[in-house]
Amino acid sequence: MSGGGDAHELLAAIRRIHERVRDAVVAESERARVEELAEVADDESEGDTIYAVDRVSEEVVVELFESEAAARTPLVLVAEGIEGGRVTLPRGTPESDAVWRVVVDPIDGTRGIMYQKRSAWVLTGAARNRGDETTLRDIEVAVQTEIPLVKQHLSDTLWAVRGGGARGERLNRLTGERTPLSPRPSRAASIRHGFAMLARFFPGARDELAAIDEEVVRGALGPVEAGKAHCFEDQYLSSGGQLYELMVGHDRFVADLRPLVEAVINARGETLGICCHPYDLCTELIAREAGVIVTDERGEPLSAPLGVEPDVAWVGYANESIRREIEPRLREALARRGLLAA
């Protein structure tokens, strides 16, 4: 396609943008105190709570997409922190004229990076613009770039163009050296002696999610033996980070089912809190291109529209053996609780 609609050209632009965002957040993390980064900047946005550290990336991301990508190809940029959740670039361009629909999470894992506990990620996925009908299933180009802790000198970037496999690079921030990084999911046949988990980051239905987790693991591995640990969990508070852990072989099974427990929460007279959104999962193409199996709660491809509002449940398996071990038990546990819609 002419007019800058080439996927590899867009990929190169996104990678440049990610490096600028990463460097800006790291520089601010070096300068500011934890308390400053953790200040709530906006608790009324259409997506997640906006913290002060989020503003660092948001201030540059629209400007960078306008100069680095939209200057050649009109696009719709979808991101939290933008008024209305999206903007067409160059500004003033009719949305119907945009070639790409690009969804961005400038910092996925805000809470971990603002307290300097764990890396966050810059996430971007791009699909041919089909207006409001564009979904996660349409994404053709995806990039995720690690925002490292101040004390961490290595930063990874992973990317994919649909059908071309997953690729990566590791940057040494001290020397500037870049080395190839090849994602390789675990080939283990079971979650036994590996990391496997259901996400339950925040208060509200954590007991229900933990009960599902226990039921699935016990069904797969049997009762706990004295003095033994069948498997382990890692509550990485970043969807992009969770996908990364699956891609590089650290985790074998991850599921984020928070949207499914809304009925449980409502029955208690409470409201469901924050869930995963499409911008949190806009790089799942990379995981699939690397060989990870990513599905919704029913085992189907993710197909949420590219907006900031939808809640998304997802499941990731390192390989088919893990899927066969876990998926039937997971679906039984959900069905028994009435958490799978008819």
C-alpha atoms as a PDB file:
ATOM      1  CA  MET A   1       0.000   0.000   0.000  1.00  0.00           C
ATOM      2  CA  SER A   2       1.359   3.428  -0.894  1.00  0.00           C
ATOM      3  CA  GLY A   3       1.285   6.507   1.281  1.00  0.00           C
ATOM      4  CA  GLY A   4       3.202   4.944   4.158  1.00  0.00           C
ATOM      5  CA  GLY A   5       0.833   2.036   4.759  1.00  0.00           C
ATOM      6  CA  ASP A   6       3.687  -0.477   4.909  1.00  0.00           C
ATOM      7  CA  ALA A   7       3.690  -2.531   8.115  1.00  0.00           C
ATOM      8  CA  HIS A   8       7.487  -2.652   8.427  1.00  0.00           C
ATOM      9  CA  GLU A   9       7.740   1.103   8.012  1.00  0.00           C
ATOM     10  CA  LEU A  10       5.216   1.546  10.802  1.00  0.00           C
ATOM     11  CA  LEU A  11       7.115  -0.977  12.924  1.00  0.00           C
ATOM     12  CA  ALA A  12      10.305   1.072  12.634  1.00  0.00           C
ATOM     13  CA  ALA A  13       8.459   4.240  13.652  1.00  0.00           C
ATOM     14  CA  ILE A  14       6.869   2.554  16.656  1.00  0.00           C
ATOM     15  CA  ARG A  15      10.227   1.239  17.826  1.00  0.00           C
ATOM     16  CA  ARG A  16      11.679   4.769  17.675  1.00  0.00           C
ATOM     17  CA  ILE A  17       8.729   6.118  19.644  1.00  0.00           C
ATOM     18  CA  HIS A  18       9.048   3.400  22.277  1.00  0.00           C
ATOM     19  CA  GLU A  19      12.701   4.190  22.864  1.00  0.00           C
ATOM     20  CA  ARG A  20      11.888   7.856  23.417  1.00  0.00           C
ATOM     21  CA  VAL A  21       9.080   7.020  25.847  1.00  0.00           C
ATOM     22  CA  ARG A  22      11.245   4.506  27.734  1.00  0.00           C
ATOM     23  CA  ASP A  23      14.103   6.982  28.080  1.00  0.00           C
ATOM     24  CA  ALA A  24      11.767   9.746  29.275  1.00  0.00           C
ATOM     25  CA  VAL A  25      10.231   7.562  31.991  1.00  0.00           C
ATOM     26  CA  VAL A  26      13.609   6.267  33.168  1.00  0.00           C
ATOM     27  CA  ALA A  27      14.992   9.809  33.303  1.00  0.00           C
ATOM     28  CA  GLU A  28      12.007  10.996  35.361  1.00  0.00           C
ATOM     29  CA  SER A  29      12.334   7.977  37.654  1.00  0.00           C
ATOM     30  CA  GLU A  30      15.967   8.910  38.276  1.00  0.00           C
ATOM     31  CA  ARG A  31      15.026  12.502  39.032  1.00  0.00           C
ATOM     32  CA  ALA A  32      11.840  12.240  41.086  1.00  0.00           C
ATOM     33  CA  ARG A  33      11.070  10.749  44.460  1.00  0.00           C
ATOM     34  CA  VAL A  34       8.774   7.723  44.659  1.00  0.00           C
ATOM     35  CA  GLU A  35       6.118   9.829  46.366  1.00  0.00           C
ATOM     36  CA  GLU A  36       6.065  12.260  43.434  1.00  0.00           C
ATOM     37  CA  LEU A  37       5.724   9.515  40.820  1.00  0.00           C
ATOM     38  CA  ALA A  38       2.951   7.828  42.803  1.00  0.00           C
ATOM     39  CA  GLU A  39       0.743  10.903  43.117  1.00  0.00           C
ATOM     40  CA  VAL A  40      -2.726  10.470  41.577  1.00  0.00           C
ATOM     41  CA  ALA A  41      -2.993  12.834  38.613  1.00  0.00           C
ATOM     42  CA  ASP A  42      -6.461  11.795  37.388  1.00  0.00           C
ATOM     43  CA  ASP A  43      -8.872   9.321  38.938  1.00  0.00           C
ATOM     44  CA  GLU A  44     -11.720  10.191  36.582  1.00  0.00           C
ATOM     45  CA  SER A  45     -10.273   8.996  33.262  1.00  0.00           C
ATOM     46  CA  GLU A  46     -12.124   6.525  31.047  1.00  0.00           C
ATOM     47  CA  GLY A  47      -9.458   3.880  31.635  1.00  0.00           C
ATOM     48  CA  ASP A  48      -7.208   3.200  34.614  1.00  0.00           C
ATOM     49  CA  THR A  49      -6.263   5.706  37.310  1.00  0.00           C
ATOM     50  CA  ILE A  50      -3.670   8.137  35.950  1.00  0.00           C
ATOM     51  CA  TYR A  51      -0.631   8.618  38.183  1.00  0.00           C
ATOM     52  CA  ALA A  52       2.012  11.316  37.893  1.00  0.00           C
ATOM     53  CA  VAL A  53       4.456   8.928  36.232  1.00  0.00           C
ATOM     54  CA  ASP A  54       1.842   8.217  33.523  1.00  0.00           C
ATOM     55  CA  ARG A  55       1.818  11.878  32.572  1.00  0.00           C
ATOM     56  CA  VAL A  56       5.518  11.641  31.686  1.00  0.00           C
ATOM     57  CA  SER A  57       4.796   9.230  28.844  1.00  0.00           C
ATOM     58  CA  GLU A  58       1.435  10.679  27.812  1.00  0.00           C
ATOM     59  CA  GLU A  59       2.953  14.104  27.257  1.00  0.00           C
ATOM     60  CA  VAL A  60       5.257  12.745  24.553  1.00  0.00           C
ATOM     61  CA  VAL A  61       3.345   9.844  23.005  1.00  0.00           C
ATOM     62  CA  VAL A  62       0.801  11.851  20.951  1.00  0.00           C
ATOM     63  CA  GLU A  63       3.480  14.267  19.774  1.00  0.00           C
ATOM     64  CA  LEU A  64       5.771  11.408  18.773  1.00  0.00           C
ATOM     65  CA  PHE A  65       3.103   9.478  16.878  1.00  0.00           C
ATOM     66  CA  GLU A  66       2.163  12.642  15.028  1.00  0.00           C
ATOM     67  CA  SER A  67       5.753  13.383  13.993  1.00  0.00           C
ATOM     68  CA  GLU A  68       7.195   9.874  13.570  1.00  0.00           C
ATOM     69  CA  ALA A  69       4.263   7.926  12.095  1.00  0.00           C
ATOM     70  CA  ALA A  70       1.284  10.077  11.129  1.00  0.00           C
ATOM     71  CA  ALA A  71       3.397  12.475   9.090  1.00  0.00           C
ATOM     72  CA  ARG A  72       3.481   9.760   6.408  1.00  0.00           C
ATOM     73  CA  THR A  73       0.283   7.825   7.112  1.00  0.00           C
ATOM     74  CA  PRO A  74      -2.910   9.081   8.793  1.00  0.00           C
ATOM     75  CA  LEU A  75      -3.839   7.065  11.858  1.00  0.00           C
ATOM     76  CA  VAL A  76      -6.266   6.903  14.735  1.00  0.00           C
ATOM     77  CA  LEU A  77      -4.394   6.819  18.044  1.00  0.00           C
ATOM     78  CA  VAL A  78      -6.277   5.065  20.857  1.00  0.00           C
ATOM     79  CA  ALA A  79      -4.956   5.491  24.406  1.00  0.00           C
ATOM     80  CA  GLU A  80      -6.096   6.308  27.914  1.00  0.00           C
ATOM     81  CA  GLY A  81      -5.337   9.873  28.893  1.00  0.00           C
ATOM     82  CA  ILE A  82      -6.517  11.189  25.501  1.00  0.00           C
ATOM     83  CA  GLU A  83      -9.797  13.094  25.637  1.00  0.00           C
ATOM     84  CA  GLY A  84     -12.469  10.755  24.329  1.00  0.00           C
ATOM     85  CA  GLY A  85      -9.970   7.885  24.305  1.00  0.00           C
ATOM     86  CA  ARG A  86      -8.684   8.566  20.787  1.00  0.00           C
ATOM     87  CA  VAL A  87      -7.412  11.192  18.368  1.00  0.00           C
ATOM     88  CA  THR A  88      -6.889  11.193  14.605  1.00  0.00           C
ATOM     89  CA  LEU A  89      -3.430  12.219  13.441  1.00  0.00           C
ATOM     90  CA  PRO A  90      -2.522  14.456  11.694  1.00  0.00           C
ATOM     91  CA  ARG A  91      -5.048  16.505  13.612  1.00  0.00           C
ATOM     92  CA  GLY A  92      -8.075  17.460  11.590  1.00  0.00           C
ATOM     93  CA  THR A  93      -7.906  14.368   9.393  1.00  0.00           C
ATOM     94  CA  PRO A  94     -11.280  12.601   9.064  1.00  0.00           C
ATOM     95  CA  GLU A  95     -11.168   9.329  10.984  1.00  0.00           C
ATOM     96  CA  SER A  96     -12.397   7.478   7.898  1.00  0.00           C
ATOM     97  CA  ASP A  97      -9.230   8.566   6.038  1.00  0.00           C
ATOM     98  CA  ALA A  98      -6.900   6.945   8.591  1.00  0.00           C
ATOM     99  CA  VAL A  99      -4.970   3.924   7.312  1.00  0.00           C
ATOM    100  CA  TRP A 100      -4.080   2.520  10.725  1.00  0.00           C
ATOM    101  CA  ARG A 101      -5.827   2.241  14.075  1.00  0.00           C
ATOM    102  CA  VAL A 102      -3.084   2.227  16.695  1.00  0.00           C
ATOM    103  CA  VAL A 103      -3.732   1.346  20.336  1.00  0.00           C
ATOM    104  CA  VAL A 104      -1.093   2.316  22.886  1.00  0.00           C
ATOM    105  CA  ASP A 105      -0.445   1.808  26.570  1.00  0.00           C
ATOM    106  CA  PRO A 106       2.421   4.240  27.287  1.00  0.00           C
ATOM    107  CA  ILE A 107       3.136   2.554  30.648  1.00  0.00           C
ATOM    108  CA  ASP A 108       1.720  -0.885  31.347  1.00  0.00           C
ATOM    109  CA  GLY A 109       2.736  -1.718  34.892  1.00  0.00           C
ATOM    110  CA  THR A 110       2.576   1.814  36.280  1.00  0.00           C
ATOM    111  CA  ARG A 111       2.287   0.707  39.898  1.00  0.00           C
ATOM    112  CA  GLY A 112       5.387  -1.458  39.718  1.00  0.00           C
ATOM    113  CA  ILE A 113       7.623   1.119  38.041  1.00  0.00           C
ATOM    114  CA  MET A 114       6.488   4.107  40.105  1.00  0.00           C
ATOM    115  CA  TYR A 115       7.535   2.287  43.274  1.00  0.00           C
ATOM    116  CA  GLN A 116      10.648   0.929  41.507  1.00  0.00           C
ATOM    117  CA  LYS A 117       9.639  -2.649  42.221  1.00  0.00           C
ATOM    118  CA  ARG A 118       9.527  -4.116  38.720  1.00  0.00           C
ATOM    119  CA  SER A 119       9.846  -3.224  35.042  1.00  0.00           C
ATOM    120  CA  ALA A 120       6.910  -1.694  33.181  1.00  0.00           C
ATOM    121  CA  TRP A 121       6.274  -1.866  29.416  1.00  0.00           C
ATOM    122  CA  VAL A 122       5.409   0.431  26.540  1.00  0.00           C
ATOM    123  CA  LEU A 123       2.780  -1.416  24.451  1.00  0.00           C
ATOM    124  CA  THR A 124       1.583  -0.692  20.930  1.00  0.00           C
ATOM    125  CA  GLY A 125      -0.580  -2.639  18.495  1.00  0.00           C
ATOM    126  CA  ALA A 126      -1.605  -1.459  15.026  1.00  0.00           C
ATOM    127  CA  ALA A 127      -4.440  -2.703  12.812  1.00  0.00           C
ATOM    128  CA  ARG A 128      -5.799  -1.568   9.467  1.00  0.00           C
ATOM    129  CA  ASN A 129      -8.485   0.954  10.305  1.00  0.00           C
ATOM    130  CA  ARG A 130     -11.988  -0.509  10.129  1.00  0.00           C
ATOM    131  CA  GLY A 131     -13.496   2.147  12.356  1.00  0.00           C
ATOM    132  CA  ASP A 132     -15.236   0.988  15.499  1.00  0.00           C
ATOM    133  CA  GLU A 133     -15.298  -2.558  14.105  1.00  0.00           C
ATOM    134  CA  THR A 134     -11.512  -2.869  14.475  1.00  0.00           C
ATOM    135  CA  THR A 135     -10.587  -5.451  17.134  1.00  0.00           C
ATOM    136  CA  LEU A 136      -7.591  -7.098  18.747  1.00  0.00           C
ATOM    137  CA  ARG A 137      -7.924  -9.853  16.141  1.00  0.00           C
ATOM    138  CA  ASP A 138      -7.077  -7.307  13.404  1.00  0.00           C
ATOM    139  CA  ILE A 139      -3.709  -6.236  14.813  1.00  0.00           C
ATOM    140  CA  GLU A 140      -0.911  -6.670  12.268  1.00  0.00           C
ATOM    141  CA  VAL A 141       2.021  -4.933  13.991  1.00  0.00           C
ATOM    142  CA  ALA A 142       2.901  -5.062  17.691  1.00  0.00           C
ATOM    143  CA  VAL A 143       5.813  -3.822  19.779  1.00  0.00           C
ATOM    144  CA  GLN A 144       6.485  -3.955  23.502  1.00  0.00           C
ATOM    145  CA  THR A 145       9.478  -2.254  25.087  1.00  0.00           C
ATOM    146  CA  GLU A 146      10.662  -2.704  28.645  1.00  0.00           C
ATOM    147  CA  ILE A 147      10.902   0.309  30.938  1.00  0.00           C
ATOM    148  CA  PRO A 148      13.575  -0.918  33.345  1.00  0.00           C
ATOM    149  CA  LEU A 149      14.124  -0.007  36.950  1.00  0.00           C
ATOM    150  CA  VAL A 150      16.667   2.731  37.546  1.00  0.00           C
ATOM    151  CA  LYS A 151      19.082   0.142  38.978  1.00  0.00           C
ATOM    152  CA  GLN A 152      18.625  -2.181  35.970  1.00  0.00           C
ATOM    153  CA  HIS A 153      20.942  -1.834  32.967  1.00  0.00           C
ATOM    154  CA  LEU A 154      19.208  -4.205  30.509  1.00  0.00           C
ATOM    155  CA  SER A 155      16.009  -3.441  28.592  1.00  0.00           C
ATOM    156  CA  ASP A 156      14.219  -5.830  26.214  1.00  0.00           C
ATOM    157  CA  THR A 157      12.089  -5.052  23.168  1.00  0.00           C
ATOM    158  CA  LEU A 158       9.915  -7.625  21.398  1.00  0.00           C
ATOM    159  CA  TRP A 159       7.987  -7.135  18.170  1.00  0.00           C
ATOM    160  CA  ALA A 160       6.061  -8.920  15.451  1.00  0.00           C
ATOM    161  CA  VAL A 161       4.469  -8.332  12.083  1.00  0.00           C
ATOM    162  CA  ARG A 162       1.647 -10.808  11.576  1.00  0.00           C
ATOM    163  CA  GLY A 163       2.858 -13.973   9.900  1.00  0.00           C
ATOM    164  CA  GLY A 164       6.530 -13.103  10.332  1.00  0.00           C
ATOM    165  CA  GLY A 165       7.250 -14.608  13.746  1.00  0.00           C
ATOM    166  CA  ALA A 166       8.347 -12.856  16.927  1.00  0.00           C
ATOM    167  CA  ARG A 167      11.674 -11.082  17.208  1.00  0.00           C
ATOM    168  CA  GLY A 168      13.471  -9.204  19.935  1.00  0.00           C
ATOM    169  CA  GLU A 169      16.448  -7.189  21.048  1.00  0.00           C
ATOM    170  CA  ARG A 170      18.192  -6.586  24.377  1.00  0.00           C
ATOM    171  CA  LEU A 171      19.716  -3.164  25.019  1.00  0.00           C
ATOM    172  CA  ASN A 172      22.545  -2.594  27.473  1.00  0.00           C
ATOM    173  CA  ARG A 173      21.797   0.926  28.702  1.00  0.00           C
ATOM    174  CA  LEU A 174      25.335   1.367  30.021  1.00  0.00           C
ATOM    175  CA  THR A 175      27.238   0.464  26.852  1.00  0.00           C
ATOM    176  CA  GLY A 176      24.594   0.957  24.162  1.00  0.00           C
ATOM    177  CA  GLU A 177      25.187  -2.612  22.931  1.00  0.00           C
ATOM    178  CA  ARG A 178      22.206  -4.293  21.278  1.00  0.00           C
ATOM    179  CA  THR A 179      21.960  -8.075  21.017  1.00  0.00           C
ATOM    180  CA  PRO A 180      19.281 -10.229  19.370  1.00  0.00           C
ATOM    181  CA  LEU A 181      16.678 -11.804  21.651  1.00  0.00           C
ATOM    182  CA  SER A 182      14.659 -14.804  20.514  1.00  0.00           C
ATOM    183  CA  PRO A 183      11.436 -15.471  22.462  1.00  0.00           C
ATOM    184  CA  ARG A 184      11.098 -19.126  23.418  1.00  0.00           C
ATOM    185  CA  PRO A 185       8.069 -20.254  25.440  1.00  0.00           C
ATOM    186  CA  SER A 186       8.384 -23.173  27.833  1.00  0.00           C
ATOM    187  CA  ARG A 187       8.223 -26.627  26.271  1.00  0.00           C
ATOM    188  CA  ALA A 188       7.314 -28.308  29.542  1.00  0.00           C
ATOM    189  CA  ALA A 189       4.366 -30.686  29.306  1.00  0.00           C
ATOM    190  CA  SER A 190       2.865 -29.647  32.651  1.00  0.00           C
ATOM    191  CA  ILE A 191       2.652 -26.729  35.048  1.00  0.00           C
ATOM    192  CA  ARG A 192       4.277 -28.967  37.677  1.00  0.00           C
ATOM    193  CA  HIS A 193       7.380 -27.280  39.110  1.00  0.00           C
ATOM    194  CA  GLY A 194       6.671 -24.189  37.029  1.00  0.00           C
ATOM    195  CA  PHE A 195       4.999 -20.788  37.372  1.00  0.00           C
ATOM    196  CA  ALA A 196       1.231 -20.802  36.779  1.00  0.00           C
ATOM    197  CA  MET A 197      -1.381 -18.370  38.064  1.00  0.00           C
ATOM    198  CA  LEU A 198      -4.683 -16.517  37.934  1.00  0.00           C
ATOM    199  CA  ALA A 199      -4.367 -12.748  38.187  1.00  0.00           C
ATOM    200  CA  ARG A 200      -5.846 -11.320  41.376  1.00  0.00           C
ATOM    201  CA  PHE A 201      -3.989  -8.062  41.820  1.00  0.00           C
ATOM    202  CA  PHE A 202      -6.585  -5.964  43.586  1.00  0.00           C
ATOM    203  CA  PRO A 203      -9.211  -6.316  46.336  1.00  0.00           C
ATOM    204  CA  GLY A 204     -12.612  -7.588  45.259  1.00  0.00           C
ATOM    205  CA  ALA A 205     -13.340 -11.261  44.466  1.00  0.00           C
ATOM    206  CA  ARG A 206      -9.769 -12.306  45.162  1.00  0.00           C
ATOM    207  CA  ASP A 207     -11.216 -15.117  47.250  1.00  0.00           C
ATOM    208  CA  GLU A 208     -13.277 -16.377  44.287  1.00  0.00           C
ATOM    209  CA  LEU A 209     -10.347 -16.146  41.885  1.00  0.00           C
ATOM    210  CA  ALA A 210      -8.101 -17.942  44.363  1.00  0.00           C
ATOM    211  CA  ALA A 211     -10.698 -20.703  44.739  1.00  0.00           C
ATOM    212  CA  ILE A 212     -10.771 -21.187  40.962  1.00  0.00           C
ATOM    213  CA  ASP A 213      -6.988 -21.256  40.912  1.00  0.00           C
ATOM    214  CA  GLU A 214      -6.886 -23.899  43.652  1.00  0.00           C
ATOM    215  CA  GLU A 215      -9.493 -26.039  41.922  1.00  0.00           C
ATOM    216  CA  VAL A 216      -7.683 -25.977  38.580  1.00  0.00           C
ATOM    217  CA  VAL A 217      -4.253 -26.701  40.026  1.00  0.00           C
ATOM    218  CA  ARG A 218      -5.491 -29.496  42.291  1.00  0.00           C
ATOM    219  CA  GLY A 219      -7.337 -31.026  39.364  1.00  0.00           C
ATOM    220  CA  ALA A 220      -4.195 -30.943  37.237  1.00  0.00           C
ATOM    221  CA  LEU A 221      -1.591 -31.929  39.826  1.00  0.00           C
ATOM    222  CA  GLY A 222      -3.471 -33.613  42.661  1.00  0.00           C
ATOM    223  CA  PRO A 223      -3.442 -32.699  46.373  1.00  0.00           C
ATOM    224  CA  VAL A 224      -0.491 -30.910  47.895  1.00  0.00           C
ATOM    225  CA  GLU A 225       2.160 -33.177  49.375  1.00  0.00           C
ATOM    226  CA  ALA A 226       3.735 -32.437  52.729  1.00  0.00           C
ATOM    227  CA  GLY A 227       6.822 -30.290  52.353  1.00  0.00           C
ATOM    228  CA  LYS A 228       6.343 -29.909  48.576  1.00  0.00           C
ATOM    229  CA  ALA A 229       5.228 -27.164  46.200  1.00  0.00           C
ATOM    230  CA  HIS A 230       3.581 -28.467  43.031  1.00  0.00           C
ATOM    231  CA  CYS A 231       3.806 -25.137  41.193  1.00  0.00           C
ATOM    232  CA  PHE A 232       4.350 -21.453  41.947  1.00  0.00           C
ATOM    233  CA  GLU A 233       2.814 -18.105  41.047  1.00  0.00           C
ATOM    234  CA  ASP A 234       4.031 -14.630  40.166  1.00  0.00           C
ATOM    235  CA  GLN A 235       1.521 -11.785  40.374  1.00  0.00           C
ATOM    236  CA  TYR A 236       3.270  -9.561  37.825  1.00  0.00           C
ATOM    237  CA  LEU A 237       1.114  -6.439  37.863  1.00  0.00           C
ATOM    238  CA  SER A 238       1.372  -5.862  34.108  1.00  0.00           C
ATOM    239  CA  SER A 239      -0.457  -7.673  31.313  1.00  0.00           C
ATOM    240  CA  GLY A 240       2.396  -6.955  28.918  1.00  0.00           C
ATOM    241  CA  GLY A 241       4.778  -8.265  31.545  1.00  0.00           C
ATOM    242  CA  GLN A 242       2.708 -11.426  31.914  1.00  0.00           C
ATOM    243  CA  LEU A 243       2.816 -11.980  28.141  1.00  0.00           C
ATOM    244  CA  TYR A 244       6.591 -11.432  28.236  1.00  0.00           C
ATOM    245  CA  GLU A 245       6.999 -14.049  30.965  1.00  0.00           C
ATOM    246  CA  LEU A 246       5.087 -16.544  28.818  1.00  0.00           C
ATOM    247  CA  MET A 247       7.102 -15.661  25.723  1.00  0.00           C
ATOM    248  CA  VAL A 248      10.522 -16.113  27.281  1.00  0.00           C
ATOM    249  CA  GLY A 249       9.714 -19.361  29.074  1.00  0.00           C
ATOM    250  CA  HIS A 250       9.393 -18.091  32.640  1.00  0.00           C
ATOM    251  CA  ASP A 251       5.652 -18.788  33.035  1.00  0.00           C
ATOM    252  CA  ARG A 252       3.606 -21.714  31.746  1.00  0.00           C
ATOM    253  CA  PHE A 253       0.031 -20.602  32.354  1.00  0.00           C
ATOM    254  CA  VAL A 254      -1.534 -17.210  33.065  1.00  0.00           C
ATOM    255  CA  ALA A 255      -5.208 -16.267  33.185  1.00  0.00           C
ATOM    256  CA  ASP A 256      -6.815 -12.923  33.934  1.00  0.00           C
ATOM    257  CA  LEU A 257     -10.510 -13.564  34.509  1.00  0.00           C
ATOM    258  CA  ARG A 258     -11.470 -10.514  36.516  1.00  0.00           C
ATOM    259  CA  PRO A 259     -14.359  -9.429  34.212  1.00  0.00           C
ATOM    260  CA  LEU A 260     -16.059 -12.798  34.735  1.00  0.00           C
ATOM    261  CA  VAL A 261     -16.513 -12.316  38.469  1.00  0.00           C
ATOM    262  CA  GLU A 262     -18.588  -9.145  38.163  1.00  0.00           C
ATOM    263  CA  ALA A 263     -21.764 -11.070  39.080  1.00  0.00           C
ATOM    264  CA  VAL A 264     -20.062 -12.329  42.254  1.00  0.00           C
ATOM    265  CA  ILE A 265     -19.077  -8.780  43.182  1.00  0.00           C
ATOM    266  CA  ASN A 266     -22.513  -7.373  42.407  1.00  0.00           C
ATOM    267  CA  ALA A 267     -24.199 -10.060  44.539  1.00  0.00           C
ATOM    268  CA  ARG A 268     -22.184  -8.710  47.466  1.00  0.00           C
ATOM    269  CA  GLY A 269     -23.489  -5.209  46.806  1.00  0.00           C
ATOM    270  CA  GLU A 270     -20.092  -4.096  45.530  1.00  0.00           C
ATOM    271  CA  THR A 271     -18.728  -2.835  42.216  1.00  0.00           C
ATOM    272  CA  LEU A 272     -16.138  -4.521  40.038  1.00  0.00           C
ATOM    273  CA  GLY A 273     -12.859  -2.605  40.098  1.00  0.00           C
ATOM    274  CA  ILE A 274     -10.189  -2.313  37.446  1.00  0.00           C
ATOM    275  CA  CYS A 275      -9.907  -5.004  34.777  1.00  0.00           C
ATOM    276  CA  CYS A 276      -7.696  -5.671  31.790  1.00  0.00           C
ATOM    277  CA  HIS A 277      -8.464  -3.535  28.707  1.00  0.00           C
ATOM    278  CA  PRO A 278      -7.601  -3.907  24.997  1.00  0.00           C
ATOM    279  CA  TYR A 279      -4.633  -1.556  25.342  1.00  0.00           C
ATOM    280  CA  ASP A 280      -3.179  -3.920  27.972  1.00  0.00           C
ATOM    281  CA  LEU A 281      -3.325  -6.788  25.467  1.00  0.00           C
ATOM    282  CA  CYS A 282      -2.467  -4.983  22.245  1.00  0.00           C
ATOM    283  CA  THR A 283       0.816  -6.921  21.949  1.00  0.00           C
ATOM    284  CA  GLU A 284      -0.643 -10.423  22.322  1.00  0.00           C
ATOM    285  CA  LEU A 285       0.164 -10.876  18.607  1.00  0.00           C
ATOM    286  CA  ILE A 286       3.838 -11.108  19.577  1.00  0.00           C
ATOM    287  CA  ALA A 287       3.111 -13.881  22.054  1.00  0.00           C
ATOM    288  CA  ARG A 288       1.119 -15.840  19.478  1.00  0.00           C
ATOM    289  CA  GLU A 289       3.818 -15.362  16.845  1.00  0.00           C
ATOM    290  CA  ALA A 290       6.296 -16.725  19.430  1.00  0.00           C
ATOM    291  CA  GLY A 291       4.164 -19.844  19.927  1.00  0.00           C
ATOM    292  CA  VAL A 292       2.179 -18.905  23.041  1.00  0.00           C
ATOM    293  CA  ILE A 293      -1.517 -19.795  22.895  1.00  0.00           C
ATOM    294  CA  VAL A 294      -3.649 -16.784  23.844  1.00  0.00           C
ATOM    295  CA  THR A 295      -7.440 -17.096  24.052  1.00  0.00           C
ATOM    296  CA  ASP A 296     -10.497 -15.650  25.686  1.00  0.00           C
ATOM    297  CA  GLU A 297     -12.271 -17.537  28.491  1.00  0.00           C
ATOM    298  CA  ARG A 298     -13.989 -19.772  25.920  1.00  0.00           C
ATOM    299  CA  GLY A 299     -10.843 -20.736  24.084  1.00  0.00           C
ATOM    300  CA  GLU A 300     -11.474 -18.367  21.170  1.00  0.00           C
ATOM    301  CA  PRO A 301      -9.144 -15.672  19.763  1.00  0.00           C
ATOM    302  CA  LEU A 302      -9.335 -12.307  21.506  1.00  0.00           C
ATOM    303  CA  SER A 303     -11.671  -9.971  19.649  1.00  0.00           C
ATOM    304  CA  ALA A 304     -12.347  -6.967  21.873  1.00  0.00           C
ATOM    305  CA  PRO A 305     -12.756  -3.641  20.029  1.00  0.00           C
ATOM    306  CA  LEU A 306      -9.783  -1.294  20.130  1.00  0.00           C
ATOM    307  CA  GLY A 307     -11.068   1.168  22.717  1.00  0.00           C
ATOM    308  CA  VAL A 308     -10.192   2.169  26.256  1.00  0.00           C
ATOM    309  CA  GLU A 309     -13.445   1.026  27.860  1.00  0.00           C
ATOM    310  CA  PRO A 310     -13.966  -2.741  27.263  1.00  0.00           C
ATOM    311  CA  ASP A 311     -13.041  -5.209  29.988  1.00  0.00           C
ATOM    312  CA  VAL A 312     -11.196  -8.246  28.650  1.00  0.00           C
ATOM    313  CA  ALA A 313     -10.654 -11.715  30.111  1.00  0.00           C
ATOM    314  CA  TRP A 314      -7.794 -13.724  28.660  1.00  0.00           C
ATOM    315  CA  VAL A 315      -5.855 -16.948  29.096  1.00  0.00           C
ATOM    316  CA  GLY A 316      -2.302 -17.765  28.023  1.00  0.00           C
ATOM    317  CA  TYR A 317      -0.736 -21.229  27.702  1.00  0.00           C
ATOM    318  CA  ALA A 318       2.938 -21.781  26.952  1.00  0.00           C
ATOM    319  CA  ASN A 319       2.156 -24.691  24.616  1.00  0.00           C
ATOM    320  CA  GLU A 320      -0.528 -27.194  23.584  1.00  0.00           C
ATOM    321  CA  SER A 321       0.386 -29.688  26.310  1.00  0.00           C
ATOM    322  CA  ILE A 322      -0.197 -27.081  28.993  1.00  0.00           C
ATOM    323  CA  ARG A 323      -3.461 -26.114  27.329  1.00  0.00           C
ATOM    324  CA  ARG A 324      -4.694 -29.715  27.348  1.00  0.00           C
ATOM    325  CA  GLU A 325      -3.768 -30.006  31.007  1.00  0.00           C
ATOM    326  CA  ILE A 326      -5.450 -26.793  32.135  1.00  0.00           C
ATOM    327  CA  GLU A 327      -8.197 -25.628  29.782  1.00  0.00           C
ATOM    328  CA  PRO A 328     -10.823 -28.337  30.468  1.00  0.00           C
ATOM    329  CA  ARG A 329     -10.414 -27.914  34.221  1.00  0.00           C
ATOM    330  CA  LEU A 330     -10.548 -24.150  33.960  1.00  0.00           C
ATOM    331  CA  ARG A 331     -13.746 -24.210  31.929  1.00  0.00           C
ATOM    332  CA  GLU A 332     -15.325 -26.696  34.352  1.00  0.00           C
ATOM    333  CA  ALA A 333     -14.465 -24.468  37.306  1.00  0.00           C
ATOM    334  CA  LEU A 334     -15.973 -21.423  35.581  1.00  0.00           C
ATOM    335  CA  ALA A 335     -19.090 -23.254  34.396  1.00  0.00           C
ATOM    336  CA  ARG A 336     -19.739 -24.693  37.844  1.00  0.00           C
ATOM    337  CA  ARG A 337     -19.854 -21.156  39.221  1.00  0.00           C
ATOM    338  CA  GLY A 338     -22.011 -19.839  36.381  1.00  0.00           C
ATOM    339  CA  LEU A 339     -19.199 -17.573  35.162  1.00  0.00           C
ATOM    340  CA  LEU A 340     -19.356 -18.571  31.499  1.00  0.00           C
ATOM    341  CA  ALA A 341     -22.170 -16.808  29.661  1.00  0.00           C
ATOM    342  CA  ALA A 342     -24.588 -19.041  27.744  1.00  0.00           C
END
